[in-house]
Amino acid sequence: MFLRKIFLIIVLIICLFVFSGCYNTMGIDKQYFVVSLGLDISDSDTLLMSVQIPFPSTDSGSGSSAQSSDYQIYTVEAQTIDEGLAILNNYLNKKINLSHCSALVISEKLAR
């Protein structure tokens, strides 16, 4: 009985070390962070979704360590927002992350 408890404790301690970790995390180098999301309706009554993604670049000519950002805008046509994000994830080589989205722009036509 005593040996069985010790064996169980040892197995639990080994499991704590083996099964803990970050095996399924995604680093920031494998994600695009959307800063603004725009929604509009097209002529064919589907959703036009536009995302604005910053691409940081350093300006080596100015002599300062400040960074500037260039933005890229991607627009897809889909039935829902989830479908639009899935299309963008398939098109781009990185995953779309909406955690830094600070602006949501909805057209007047879609709002009505």
PDB file of N, CA and C in Angstrom:
ATOM      1  N   MET A   1       0.820  -1.189   0.000  1.00  0.00           N
ATOM      2  CA  MET A   1       0.000   0.000   0.000  1.00  0.00           C
ATOM      3  C   MET A   1       0.867   1.258   0.000  1.00  0.00           C
ATOM      4  N   PHE A   2       1.889   1.250   0.831  1.00  0.00           N
ATOM      5  CA  PHE A   2       2.789   2.395   0.917  1.00  0.00           C
ATOM      6  C   PHE A   2       3.568   2.561  -0.396  1.00  0.00           C
ATOM      7  N   LEU A   3       4.046   1.475  -0.962  1.00  0.00           N
ATOM      8  CA  LEU A   3       4.785   1.544  -2.219  1.00  0.00           C
ATOM      9  C   LEU A   3       3.886   2.013  -3.366  1.00  0.00           C
ATOM     10  N   ARG A   4       2.648   1.625  -3.298  1.00  0.00           N
ATOM     11  CA  ARG A   4       1.711   2.040  -4.339  1.00  0.00           C
ATOM     12  C   ARG A   4       1.487   3.554  -4.308  1.00  0.00           C
ATOM     13  N   LYS A   5       1.397   4.151  -3.122  1.00  0.00           N
ATOM     14  CA  LYS A   5       1.244   5.596  -2.987  1.00  0.00           C
ATOM     15  C   LYS A   5       2.485   6.323  -3.470  1.00  0.00           C
ATOM     16  N   ILE A   6       3.652   5.814  -3.150  1.00  0.00           N
ATOM     17  CA  ILE A   6       4.895   6.435  -3.595  1.00  0.00           C
ATOM     18  C   ILE A   6       4.999   6.360  -5.121  1.00  0.00           C
ATOM     19  N   PHE A   7       4.643   5.210  -5.683  1.00  0.00           N
ATOM     20  CA  PHE A   7       4.664   5.054  -7.138  1.00  0.00           C
ATOM     21  C   PHE A   7       3.703   6.039  -7.803  1.00  0.00           C
ATOM     22  N   LEU A   8       2.526   6.208  -7.245  1.00  0.00           N
ATOM     23  CA  LEU A   8       1.542   7.131  -7.775  1.00  0.00           C
ATOM     24  C   LEU A   8       2.038   8.574  -7.708  1.00  0.00           C
ATOM     25  N   ILE A   9       2.672   8.943  -6.627  1.00  0.00           N
ATOM     26  CA  ILE A   9       3.213  10.296  -6.477  1.00  0.00           C
ATOM     27  C   ILE A   9       4.328  10.540  -7.489  1.00  0.00           C
ATOM     28  N   ILE A  10       5.190   9.554  -7.684  1.00  0.00           N
ATOM     29  CA  ILE A  10       6.282   9.695  -8.655  1.00  0.00           C
ATOM     30  C   ILE A  10       5.718   9.834 -10.078  1.00  0.00           C
ATOM     31  N   VAL A  11       4.714   9.058 -10.397  1.00  0.00           N
ATOM     32  CA  VAL A  11       4.093   9.145 -11.724  1.00  0.00           C
ATOM     33  C   VAL A  11       3.446  10.514 -11.915  1.00  0.00           C
ATOM     34  N   LEU A  12       2.780  11.030 -10.903  1.00  0.00           N
ATOM     35  CA  LEU A  12       2.159  12.350 -11.008  1.00  0.00           C
ATOM     36  C   LEU A  12       3.197  13.449 -11.184  1.00  0.00           C
ATOM     37  N   ILE A  13       4.316  13.347 -10.474  1.00  0.00           N
ATOM     38  CA  ILE A  13       5.379  14.344 -10.614  1.00  0.00           C
ATOM     39  C   ILE A  13       5.982  14.289 -12.015  1.00  0.00           C
ATOM     40  N   ILE A  14       6.184  13.102 -12.538  1.00  0.00           N
ATOM     41  CA  ILE A  14       6.711  12.966 -13.898  1.00  0.00           C
ATOM     42  C   ILE A  14       5.721  13.531 -14.910  1.00  0.00           C
ATOM     43  N   CYS A  15       4.432  13.293 -14.708  1.00  0.00           N
ATOM     44  CA  CYS A  15       3.418  13.824 -15.612  1.00  0.00           C
ATOM     45  C   CYS A  15       3.389  15.349 -15.591  1.00  0.00           C
ATOM     46  N   LEU A  16       3.627  15.955 -14.430  1.00  0.00           N
ATOM     47  CA  LEU A  16       3.661  17.411 -14.346  1.00  0.00           C
ATOM     48  C   LEU A  16       4.756  17.985 -15.233  1.00  0.00           C
ATOM     49  N   PHE A  17       5.902  17.344 -15.275  1.00  0.00           N
ATOM     50  CA  PHE A  17       7.005  17.844 -16.087  1.00  0.00           C
ATOM     51  C   PHE A  17       6.843  17.491 -17.562  1.00  0.00           C
ATOM     52  N   VAL A  18       6.290  16.350 -17.854  1.00  0.00           N
ATOM     53  CA  VAL A  18       6.166  15.912 -19.247  1.00  0.00           C
ATOM     54  C   VAL A  18       5.033  16.639 -19.962  1.00  0.00           C
ATOM     55  N   PHE A  19       3.885  16.802 -19.324  1.00  0.00           N
ATOM     56  CA  PHE A  19       2.717  17.353 -19.982  1.00  0.00           C
ATOM     57  C   PHE A  19       2.574  18.860 -19.842  1.00  0.00           C
ATOM     58  N   SER A  20       3.480  19.511 -19.184  1.00  0.00           N
ATOM     59  CA  SER A  20       3.423  20.967 -19.128  1.00  0.00           C
ATOM     60  C   SER A  20       4.315  21.513 -20.227  1.00  0.00           C
ATOM     61  N   GLY A  21       4.022  22.703 -20.671  1.00  0.00           N
ATOM     62  CA  GLY A  21       4.832  23.299 -21.725  1.00  0.00           C
ATOM     63  C   GLY A  21       3.989  24.086 -22.696  1.00  0.00           C
ATOM     64  N   CYS A  22       4.620  24.490 -23.749  1.00  0.00           N
ATOM     65  CA  CYS A  22       3.990  25.365 -24.735  1.00  0.00           C
ATOM     66  C   CYS A  22       4.043  24.736 -26.115  1.00  0.00           C
ATOM     67  N   TYR A  23       3.623  23.519 -26.216  1.00  0.00           N
ATOM     68  CA  TYR A  23       3.744  22.814 -27.483  1.00  0.00           C
ATOM     69  C   TYR A  23       2.809  23.347 -28.554  1.00  0.00           C
ATOM     70  N   ASN A  24       1.700  23.958 -28.196  1.00  0.00           N
ATOM     71  CA  ASN A  24       0.732  24.408 -29.193  1.00  0.00           C
ATOM     72  C   ASN A  24       0.613  25.924 -29.270  1.00  0.00           C
ATOM     73  N   THR A  25       1.561  26.649 -28.731  1.00  0.00           N
ATOM     74  CA  THR A  25       1.490  28.096 -28.804  1.00  0.00           C
ATOM     75  C   THR A  25       1.972  28.581 -30.157  1.00  0.00           C
ATOM     76  N   MET A  26       1.513  29.758 -30.518  1.00  0.00           N
ATOM     77  CA  MET A  26       1.904  30.349 -31.787  1.00  0.00           C
ATOM     78  C   MET A  26       2.638  31.648 -31.483  1.00  0.00           C
ATOM     79  N   GLY A  27       3.871  31.753 -31.922  1.00  0.00           N
ATOM     80  CA  GLY A  27       4.671  32.939 -31.669  1.00  0.00           C
ATOM     81  C   GLY A  27       4.185  34.139 -32.459  1.00  0.00           C
ATOM     82  N   ILE A  28       4.638  35.316 -32.041  1.00  0.00           N
ATOM     83  CA  ILE A  28       4.190  36.532 -32.715  1.00  0.00           C
ATOM     84  C   ILE A  28       4.776  36.651 -34.113  1.00  0.00           C
ATOM     85  N   ASP A  29       5.805  35.888 -34.415  1.00  0.00           N
ATOM     86  CA  ASP A  29       6.360  35.928 -35.756  1.00  0.00           C
ATOM     87  C   ASP A  29       5.526  35.114 -36.743  1.00  0.00           C
ATOM     88  N   LYS A  30       4.544  34.387 -36.262  1.00  0.00           N
ATOM     89  CA  LYS A  30       3.665  33.589 -37.125  1.00  0.00           C
ATOM     90  C   LYS A  30       2.241  34.135 -37.153  1.00  0.00           C
ATOM     91  N   GLN A  31       2.071  35.421 -36.764  1.00  0.00           N
ATOM     92  CA  GLN A  31       0.753  36.025 -36.712  1.00  0.00           C
ATOM     93  C   GLN A  31       0.786  37.414 -37.327  1.00  0.00           C
ATOM     94  N   TYR A  32      -0.333  37.807 -37.935  1.00  0.00           N
ATOM     95  CA  TYR A  32      -0.554  39.189 -38.360  1.00  0.00           C
ATOM     96  C   TYR A  32      -1.564  39.792 -37.394  1.00  0.00           C
ATOM     97  N   PHE A  33      -1.221  40.949 -36.837  1.00  0.00           N
ATOM     98  CA  PHE A  33      -2.097  41.623 -35.889  1.00  0.00           C
ATOM     99  C   PHE A  33      -2.868  42.715 -36.619  1.00  0.00           C
ATOM    100  N   VAL A  34      -4.172  42.551 -36.688  1.00  0.00           N
ATOM    101  CA  VAL A  34      -5.043  43.499 -37.368  1.00  0.00           C
ATOM    102  C   VAL A  34      -5.252  44.701 -36.450  1.00  0.00           C
ATOM    103  N   VAL A  35      -5.071  45.929 -36.983  1.00  0.00           N
ATOM    104  CA  VAL A  35      -5.297  47.120 -36.170  1.00  0.00           C
ATOM    105  C   VAL A  35      -6.635  47.771 -36.462  1.00  0.00           C
ATOM    106  N   SER A  36      -7.191  47.531 -37.649  1.00  0.00           N
ATOM    107  CA  SER A  36      -8.536  48.025 -37.924  1.00  0.00           C
ATOM    108  C   SER A  36      -9.244  47.074 -38.875  1.00  0.00           C
ATOM    109  N   LEU A  37     -10.564  47.017 -38.726  1.00  0.00           N
ATOM    110  CA  LEU A  37     -11.413  46.119 -39.499  1.00  0.00           C
ATOM    111  C   LEU A  37     -12.546  46.939 -40.081  1.00  0.00           C
ATOM    112  N   GLY A  38     -12.731  46.839 -41.388  1.00  0.00           N
ATOM    113  CA  GLY A  38     -13.795  47.570 -42.064  1.00  0.00           C
ATOM    114  C   GLY A  38     -14.797  46.622 -42.675  1.00  0.00           C
ATOM    115  N   LEU A  39     -16.067  46.934 -42.529  1.00  0.00           N
ATOM    116  CA  LEU A  39     -17.145  46.100 -43.060  1.00  0.00           C
ATOM    117  C   LEU A  39     -18.022  46.936 -43.983  1.00  0.00           C
ATOM    118  N   ASP A  40     -18.308  46.384 -45.143  1.00  0.00           N
ATOM    119  CA  ASP A  40     -19.155  47.039 -46.133  1.00  0.00           C
ATOM    120  C   ASP A  40     -19.979  45.968 -46.825  1.00  0.00           C
ATOM    121  N   ILE A  41     -20.961  46.378 -47.579  1.00  0.00           N
ATOM    122  CA  ILE A  41     -21.784  45.429 -48.326  1.00  0.00           C
ATOM    123  C   ILE A  41     -21.548  45.679 -49.815  1.00  0.00           C
ATOM    124  N   SER A  42     -21.392  44.610 -50.571  1.00  0.00           N
ATOM    125  CA  SER A  42     -21.112  44.740 -51.998  1.00  0.00           C
ATOM    126  C   SER A  42     -22.412  44.835 -52.783  1.00  0.00           C
ATOM    127  N   ASP A  43     -22.278  45.007 -54.094  1.00  0.00           N
ATOM    128  CA  ASP A  43     -23.461  45.096 -54.952  1.00  0.00           C
ATOM    129  C   ASP A  43     -24.217  43.778 -55.010  1.00  0.00           C
ATOM    130  N   SER A  44     -23.506  42.662 -54.803  1.00  0.00           N
ATOM    131  CA  SER A  44     -24.153  41.347 -54.839  1.00  0.00           C
ATOM    132  C   SER A  44     -24.634  40.908 -53.447  1.00  0.00           C
ATOM    133  N   ASP A  45     -24.790  41.851 -52.534  1.00  0.00           N
ATOM    134  CA  ASP A  45     -25.279  41.627 -51.169  1.00  0.00           C
ATOM    135  C   ASP A  45     -24.429  40.648 -50.368  1.00  0.00           C
ATOM    136  N   THR A  46     -23.141  40.656 -50.588  1.00  0.00           N
ATOM    137  CA  THR A  46     -22.215  39.907 -49.736  1.00  0.00           C
ATOM    138  C   THR A  46     -21.385  40.899 -48.941  1.00  0.00           C
ATOM    139  N   LEU A  47     -20.739  40.404 -47.935  1.00  0.00           N
ATOM    140  CA  LEU A  47     -19.967  41.235 -47.023  1.00  0.00           C
ATOM    141  C   LEU A  47     -18.577  41.492 -47.597  1.00  0.00           C
ATOM    142  N   LEU A  48     -18.184  42.744 -47.651  1.00  0.00           N
ATOM    143  CA  LEU A  48     -16.818  43.106 -48.003  1.00  0.00           C
ATOM    144  C   LEU A  48     -16.081  43.406 -46.700  1.00  0.00           C
ATOM    145  N   MET A  49     -15.071  42.637 -46.406  1.00  0.00           N
ATOM    146  CA  MET A  49     -14.325  42.804 -45.166  1.00  0.00           C
ATOM    147  C   MET A  49     -12.905  43.248 -45.499  1.00  0.00           C
ATOM    148  N   SER A  50     -12.487  44.356 -44.912  1.00  0.00           N
ATOM    149  CA  SER A  50     -11.142  44.876 -45.119  1.00  0.00           C
ATOM    150  C   SER A  50     -10.412  44.882 -43.787  1.00  0.00           C
ATOM    151  N   VAL A  51      -9.160  44.437 -43.804  1.00  0.00           N
ATOM    152  CA  VAL A  51      -8.335  44.461 -42.605  1.00  0.00           C
ATOM    153  C   VAL A  51      -7.083  45.274 -42.896  1.00  0.00           C
ATOM    154  N   GLN A  52      -6.630  46.004 -41.905  1.00  0.00           N
ATOM    155  CA  GLN A  52      -5.417  46.798 -42.018  1.00  0.00           C
ATOM    156  C   GLN A  52      -4.360  46.171 -41.116  1.00  0.00           C
ATOM    157  N   ILE A  53      -3.239  45.801 -41.720  1.00  0.00           N
ATOM    158  CA  ILE A  53      -2.174  45.106 -41.001  1.00  0.00           C
ATOM    159  C   ILE A  53      -0.905  45.936 -41.096  1.00  0.00           C
ATOM    160  N   PRO A  54      -0.272  46.266 -39.954  1.00  0.00           N
ATOM    161  CA  PRO A  54       0.985  47.018 -40.014  1.00  0.00           C
ATOM    162  C   PRO A  54       2.170  46.099 -40.289  1.00  0.00           C
ATOM    163  N   PHE A  55       3.119  46.612 -41.048  1.00  0.00           N
ATOM    164  CA  PHE A  55       4.378  45.927 -41.290  1.00  0.00           C
ATOM    165  C   PHE A  55       5.487  46.850 -40.806  1.00  0.00           C
ATOM    166  N   PRO A  56       6.051  46.590 -39.622  1.00  0.00           N
ATOM    167  CA  PRO A  56       7.068  47.495 -39.081  1.00  0.00           C
ATOM    168  C   PRO A  56       8.332  47.476 -39.931  1.00  0.00           C
ATOM    169  N   SER A  57       8.882  48.647 -40.100  1.00  0.00           N
ATOM    170  CA  SER A  57      10.151  48.768 -40.822  1.00  0.00           C
ATOM    171  C   SER A  57      10.985  49.831 -40.131  1.00  0.00           C
ATOM    172  N   THR A  58      12.271  49.615 -40.084  1.00  0.00           N
ATOM    173  CA  THR A  58      13.164  50.581 -39.457  1.00  0.00           C
ATOM    174  C   THR A  58      13.701  51.510 -40.523  1.00  0.00           C
ATOM    175  N   ASP A  59      13.784  52.772 -40.199  1.00  0.00           N
ATOM    176  CA  ASP A  59      14.306  53.783 -41.116  1.00  0.00           C
ATOM    177  C   ASP A  59      15.766  54.012 -40.764  1.00  0.00           C
ATOM    178  N   SER A  60      16.687  53.396 -41.497  1.00  0.00           N
ATOM    179  CA  SER A  60      18.106  53.479 -41.162  1.00  0.00           C
ATOM    180  C   SER A  60      18.728  54.780 -41.640  1.00  0.00           C
ATOM    181  N   GLY A  61      18.076  55.521 -42.519  1.00  0.00           N
ATOM    182  CA  GLY A  61      18.657  56.741 -43.062  1.00  0.00           C
ATOM    183  C   GLY A  61      18.576  57.923 -42.126  1.00  0.00           C
ATOM    184  N   SER A  62      17.656  57.940 -41.183  1.00  0.00           N
ATOM    185  CA  SER A  62      17.485  59.104 -40.321  1.00  0.00           C
ATOM    186  C   SER A  62      18.463  59.135 -39.156  1.00  0.00           C
ATOM    187  N   GLY A  63      19.072  58.019 -38.818  1.00  0.00           N
ATOM    188  CA  GLY A  63      20.029  58.001 -37.716  1.00  0.00           C
ATOM    189  C   GLY A  63      19.390  57.828 -36.358  1.00  0.00           C
ATOM    190  N   SER A  64      18.088  57.745 -36.276  1.00  0.00           N
ATOM    191  CA  SER A  64      17.434  57.560 -34.993  1.00  0.00           C
ATOM    192  C   SER A  64      16.963  56.117 -34.872  1.00  0.00           C
ATOM    193  N   SER A  65      16.626  55.726 -33.660  1.00  0.00           N
ATOM    194  CA  SER A  65      16.187  54.353 -33.429  1.00  0.00           C
ATOM    195  C   SER A  65      14.671  54.216 -33.472  1.00  0.00           C
ATOM    196  N   ALA A  66      13.969  55.273 -33.854  1.00  0.00           N
ATOM    197  CA  ALA A  66      12.509  55.212 -33.924  1.00  0.00           C
ATOM    198  C   ALA A  66      12.087  54.336 -35.094  1.00  0.00           C
ATOM    199  N   GLN A  67      10.962  53.662 -34.919  1.00  0.00           N
ATOM    200  CA  GLN A  67      10.453  52.781 -35.961  1.00  0.00           C
ATOM    201  C   GLN A  67       9.216  53.394 -36.589  1.00  0.00           C
ATOM    202  N   SER A  68       9.085  53.218 -37.888  1.00  0.00           N
ATOM    203  CA  SER A  68       7.874  53.631 -38.581  1.00  0.00           C
ATOM    204  C   SER A  68       7.158  52.375 -39.060  1.00  0.00           C
ATOM    205  N   SER A  69       5.880  52.509 -39.362  1.00  0.00           N
ATOM    206  CA  SER A  69       5.104  51.342 -39.797  1.00  0.00           C
ATOM    207  C   SER A  69       4.449  51.638 -41.129  1.00  0.00           C
ATOM    208  N   ASP A  70       4.537  50.680 -42.013  1.00  0.00           N
ATOM    209  CA  ASP A  70       3.785  50.716 -43.252  1.00  0.00           C
ATOM    210  C   ASP A  70       2.602  49.783 -43.073  1.00  0.00           C
ATOM    211  N   TYR A  71       1.491  50.151 -43.695  1.00  0.00           N
ATOM    212  CA  TYR A  71       0.277  49.365 -43.545  1.00  0.00           C
ATOM    213  C   TYR A  71      -0.106  48.719 -44.876  1.00  0.00           C
ATOM    214  N   GLN A  72      -0.655  47.533 -44.787  1.00  0.00           N
ATOM    215  CA  GLN A  72      -1.191  46.836 -45.946  1.00  0.00           C
ATOM    216  C   GLN A  72      -2.663  46.577 -45.671  1.00  0.00           C
ATOM    217  N   ILE A  73      -3.505  46.803 -46.661  1.00  0.00           N
ATOM    218  CA  ILE A  73      -4.936  46.585 -46.514  1.00  0.00           C
ATOM    219  C   ILE A  73      -5.340  45.440 -47.438  1.00  0.00           C
ATOM    220  N   TYR A  74      -6.005  44.453 -46.854  1.00  0.00           N
ATOM    221  CA  TYR A  74      -6.518  43.307 -47.601  1.00  0.00           C
ATOM    222  C   TYR A  74      -8.037  43.340 -47.543  1.00  0.00           C
ATOM    223  N   THR A  75      -8.683  43.098 -48.669  1.00  0.00           N
ATOM    224  CA  THR A  75     -10.141  43.084 -48.747  1.00  0.00           C
ATOM    225  C   THR A  75     -10.601  41.768 -49.349  1.00  0.00           C
ATOM    226  N   VAL A  76     -11.567  41.136 -48.690  1.00  0.00           N
ATOM    227  CA  VAL A  76     -12.142  39.885 -49.193  1.00  0.00           C
ATOM    228  C   VAL A  76     -13.664  40.011 -49.211  1.00  0.00           C
ATOM    229  N   GLU A  77     -14.277  39.212 -50.047  1.00  0.00           N
ATOM    230  CA  GLU A  77     -15.732  39.175 -50.147  1.00  0.00           C
ATOM    231  C   GLU A  77     -16.199  37.835 -49.603  1.00  0.00           C
ATOM    232  N   ALA A  78     -17.089  37.862 -48.617  1.00  0.00           N
ATOM    233  CA  ALA A  78     -17.537  36.634 -47.953  1.00  0.00           C
ATOM    234  C   ALA A  78     -18.968  36.822 -47.457  1.00  0.00           C
ATOM    235  N   GLN A  79     -19.558  35.739 -46.990  1.00  0.00           N
ATOM    236  CA  GLN A  79     -20.918  35.786 -46.442  1.00  0.00           C
ATOM    237  C   GLN A  79     -20.915  36.256 -44.984  1.00  0.00           C
ATOM    238  N   THR A  80     -19.907  35.837 -44.205  1.00  0.00           N
ATOM    239  CA  THR A  80     -19.825  36.196 -42.793  1.00  0.00           C
ATOM    240  C   THR A  80     -18.409  36.669 -42.466  1.00  0.00           C
ATOM    241  N   ILE A  81     -18.235  37.223 -41.280  1.00  0.00           N
ATOM    242  CA  ILE A  81     -16.916  37.667 -40.836  1.00  0.00           C
ATOM    243  C   ILE A  81     -15.996  36.473 -40.634  1.00  0.00           C
ATOM    244  N   ASP A  82     -16.518  35.392 -40.060  1.00  0.00           N
ATOM    245  CA  ASP A  82     -15.702  34.190 -39.864  1.00  0.00           C
ATOM    246  C   ASP A  82     -15.206  33.621 -41.184  1.00  0.00           C
ATOM    247  N   GLU A  83     -16.068  33.618 -42.180  1.00  0.00           N
ATOM    248  CA  GLU A  83     -15.669  33.121 -43.493  1.00  0.00           C
ATOM    249  C   GLU A  83     -14.599  34.025 -44.112  1.00  0.00           C
ATOM    250  N   GLY A  84     -14.740  35.331 -43.921  1.00  0.00           N
ATOM    251  CA  GLY A  84     -13.729  36.272 -44.409  1.00  0.00           C
ATOM    252  C   GLY A  84     -12.384  36.063 -43.747  1.00  0.00           C
ATOM    253  N   LEU A  85     -12.394  35.825 -42.433  1.00  0.00           N
ATOM    254  CA  LEU A  85     -11.139  35.548 -41.728  1.00  0.00           C
ATOM    255  C   LEU A  85     -10.521  34.242 -42.195  1.00  0.00           C
ATOM    256  N   ALA A  86     -11.356  33.237 -42.479  1.00  0.00           N
ATOM    257  CA  ALA A  86     -10.836  31.967 -42.979  1.00  0.00           C
ATOM    258  C   ALA A  86     -10.207  32.147 -44.364  1.00  0.00           C
ATOM    259  N   ILE A  87     -10.826  32.952 -45.210  1.00  0.00           N
ATOM    260  CA  ILE A  87     -10.259  33.223 -46.535  1.00  0.00           C
ATOM    261  C   ILE A  87      -8.918  33.938 -46.397  1.00  0.00           C
ATOM    262  N   LEU A  88      -8.849  34.920 -45.497  1.00  0.00           N
ATOM    263  CA  LEU A  88      -7.586  35.634 -45.289  1.00  0.00           C
ATOM    264  C   LEU A  88      -6.506  34.717 -44.728  1.00  0.00           C
ATOM    265  N   ASN A  89      -6.875  33.839 -43.794  1.00  0.00           N
ATOM    266  CA  ASN A  89      -5.892  32.901 -43.238  1.00  0.00           C
ATOM    267  C   ASN A  89      -5.365  31.955 -44.306  1.00  0.00           C
ATOM    268  N   ASN A  90      -6.209  31.592 -45.273  1.00  0.00           N
ATOM    269  CA  ASN A  90      -5.749  30.737 -46.358  1.00  0.00           C
ATOM    270  C   ASN A  90      -4.880  31.499 -47.354  1.00  0.00           C
ATOM    271  N   TYR A  91      -5.171  32.769 -47.541  1.00  0.00           N
ATOM    272  CA  TYR A  91      -4.445  33.581 -48.512  1.00  0.00           C
ATOM    273  C   TYR A  91      -3.079  34.013 -47.980  1.00  0.00           C
ATOM    274  N   LEU A  92      -3.037  34.424 -46.733  1.00  0.00           N
ATOM    275  CA  LEU A  92      -1.793  34.912 -46.139  1.00  0.00           C
ATOM    276  C   LEU A  92      -0.979  33.758 -45.582  1.00  0.00           C
ATOM    277  N   ASN A  93       0.303  33.981 -45.392  1.00  0.00           N
ATOM    278  CA  ASN A  93       1.168  32.920 -44.882  1.00  0.00           C
ATOM    279  C   ASN A  93       1.219  32.884 -43.360  1.00  0.00           C
ATOM    280  N   LYS A  94       0.518  33.798 -42.698  1.00  0.00           N
ATOM    281  CA  LYS A  94       0.456  33.819 -41.239  1.00  0.00           C
ATOM    282  C   LYS A  94      -0.999  33.874 -40.807  1.00  0.00           C
ATOM    283  N   LYS A  95      -1.248  33.585 -39.538  1.00  0.00           N
ATOM    284  CA  LYS A  95      -2.608  33.604 -38.997  1.00  0.00           C
ATOM    285  C   LYS A  95      -3.019  35.034 -38.643  1.00  0.00           C
ATOM    286  N   ILE A  96      -4.303  35.322 -38.823  1.00  0.00           N
ATOM    287  CA  ILE A  96      -4.866  36.627 -38.473  1.00  0.00           C
ATOM    288  C   ILE A  96      -5.215  36.635 -36.989  1.00  0.00           C
ATOM    289  N   ASN A  97      -4.796  37.687 -36.295  1.00  0.00           N
ATOM    290  CA  ASN A  97      -5.077  37.832 -34.878  1.00  0.00           C
ATOM    291  C   ASN A  97      -5.788  39.171 -34.683  1.00  0.00           C
ATOM    292  N   LEU A  98      -6.968  39.148 -34.094  1.00  0.00           N
ATOM    293  CA  LEU A  98      -7.760  40.358 -33.892  1.00  0.00           C
ATOM    294  C   LEU A  98      -7.598  40.964 -32.501  1.00  0.00           C
ATOM    295  N   SER A  99      -6.635  40.500 -31.715  1.00  0.00           N
ATOM    296  CA  SER A  99      -6.508  40.983 -30.340  1.00  0.00           C
ATOM    297  C   SER A  99      -6.038  42.437 -30.263  1.00  0.00           C
ATOM    298  N   HIS A 100      -5.417  42.969 -31.305  1.00  0.00           N
ATOM    299  CA  HIS A 100      -4.958  44.358 -31.308  1.00  0.00           C
ATOM    300  C   HIS A 100      -5.842  45.256 -32.162  1.00  0.00           C
ATOM    301  N   CYS A 101      -6.989  44.771 -32.558  1.00  0.00           N
ATOM    302  CA  CYS A 101      -7.903  45.547 -33.393  1.00  0.00           C
ATOM    303  C   CYS A 101      -8.487  46.691 -32.568  1.00  0.00           C
ATOM    304  N   SER A 102      -8.191  47.916 -32.978  1.00  0.00           N
ATOM    305  CA  SER A 102      -8.642  49.066 -32.196  1.00  0.00           C
ATOM    306  C   SER A 102      -9.735  49.861 -32.894  1.00  0.00           C
ATOM    307  N   ALA A 103     -10.040  49.540 -34.139  1.00  0.00           N
ATOM    308  CA  ALA A 103     -11.075  50.281 -34.854  1.00  0.00           C
ATOM    309  C   ALA A 103     -11.929  49.318 -35.666  1.00  0.00           C
ATOM    310  N   LEU A 104     -13.220  49.513 -35.578  1.00  0.00           N
ATOM    311  CA  LEU A 104     -14.180  48.765 -36.374  1.00  0.00           C
ATOM    312  C   LEU A 104     -14.997  49.787 -37.151  1.00  0.00           C
ATOM    313  N   VAL A 105     -14.864  49.764 -38.475  1.00  0.00           N
ATOM    314  CA  VAL A 105     -15.545  50.723 -39.333  1.00  0.00           C
ATOM    315  C   VAL A 105     -16.648  49.981 -40.093  1.00  0.00           C
ATOM    316  N   ILE A 106     -17.881  50.464 -39.931  1.00  0.00           N
ATOM    317  CA  ILE A 106     -19.036  49.863 -40.594  1.00  0.00           C
ATOM    318  C   ILE A 106     -19.623  50.905 -41.530  1.00  0.00           C
ATOM    319  N   SER A 107     -19.850  50.509 -42.773  1.00  0.00           N
ATOM    320  CA  SER A 107     -20.396  51.458 -43.748  1.00  0.00           C
ATOM    321  C   SER A 107     -21.844  51.793 -43.406  1.00  0.00           C
ATOM    322  N   GLU A 108     -22.293  52.933 -43.922  1.00  0.00           N
ATOM    323  CA  GLU A 108     -23.664  53.365 -43.665  1.00  0.00           C
ATOM    324  C   GLU A 108     -24.663  52.416 -44.326  1.00  0.00           C
ATOM    325  N   LYS A 109     -24.310  51.903 -45.494  1.00  0.00           N
ATOM    326  CA  LYS A 109     -25.187  50.978 -46.205  1.00  0.00           C
ATOM    327  C   LYS A 109     -25.385  49.676 -45.405  1.00  0.00           C
ATOM    328  N   LEU A 110     -24.329  49.179 -44.796  1.00  0.00           N
ATOM    329  CA  LEU A 110     -24.438  47.967 -43.980  1.00  0.00           C
ATOM    330  C   LEU A 110     -25.154  48.236 -42.663  1.00  0.00           C
ATOM    331  N   ALA A 111     -24.965  49.405 -42.110  1.00  0.00           N
ATOM    332  CA  ALA A 111     -25.587  49.752 -40.829  1.00  0.00           C
ATOM    333  C   ALA A 111     -27.113  49.858 -40.961  1.00  0.00           C
ATOM    334  N   ARG A 112     -27.595  50.230 -42.130  1.00  0.00           N
ATOM    335  CA  ARG A 112     -29.049  50.334 -42.327  1.00  0.00           C
ATOM    336  C   ARG A 112     -29.586  48.966 -42.535  1.00  0.00           C
TER     337      ARG A 112
END
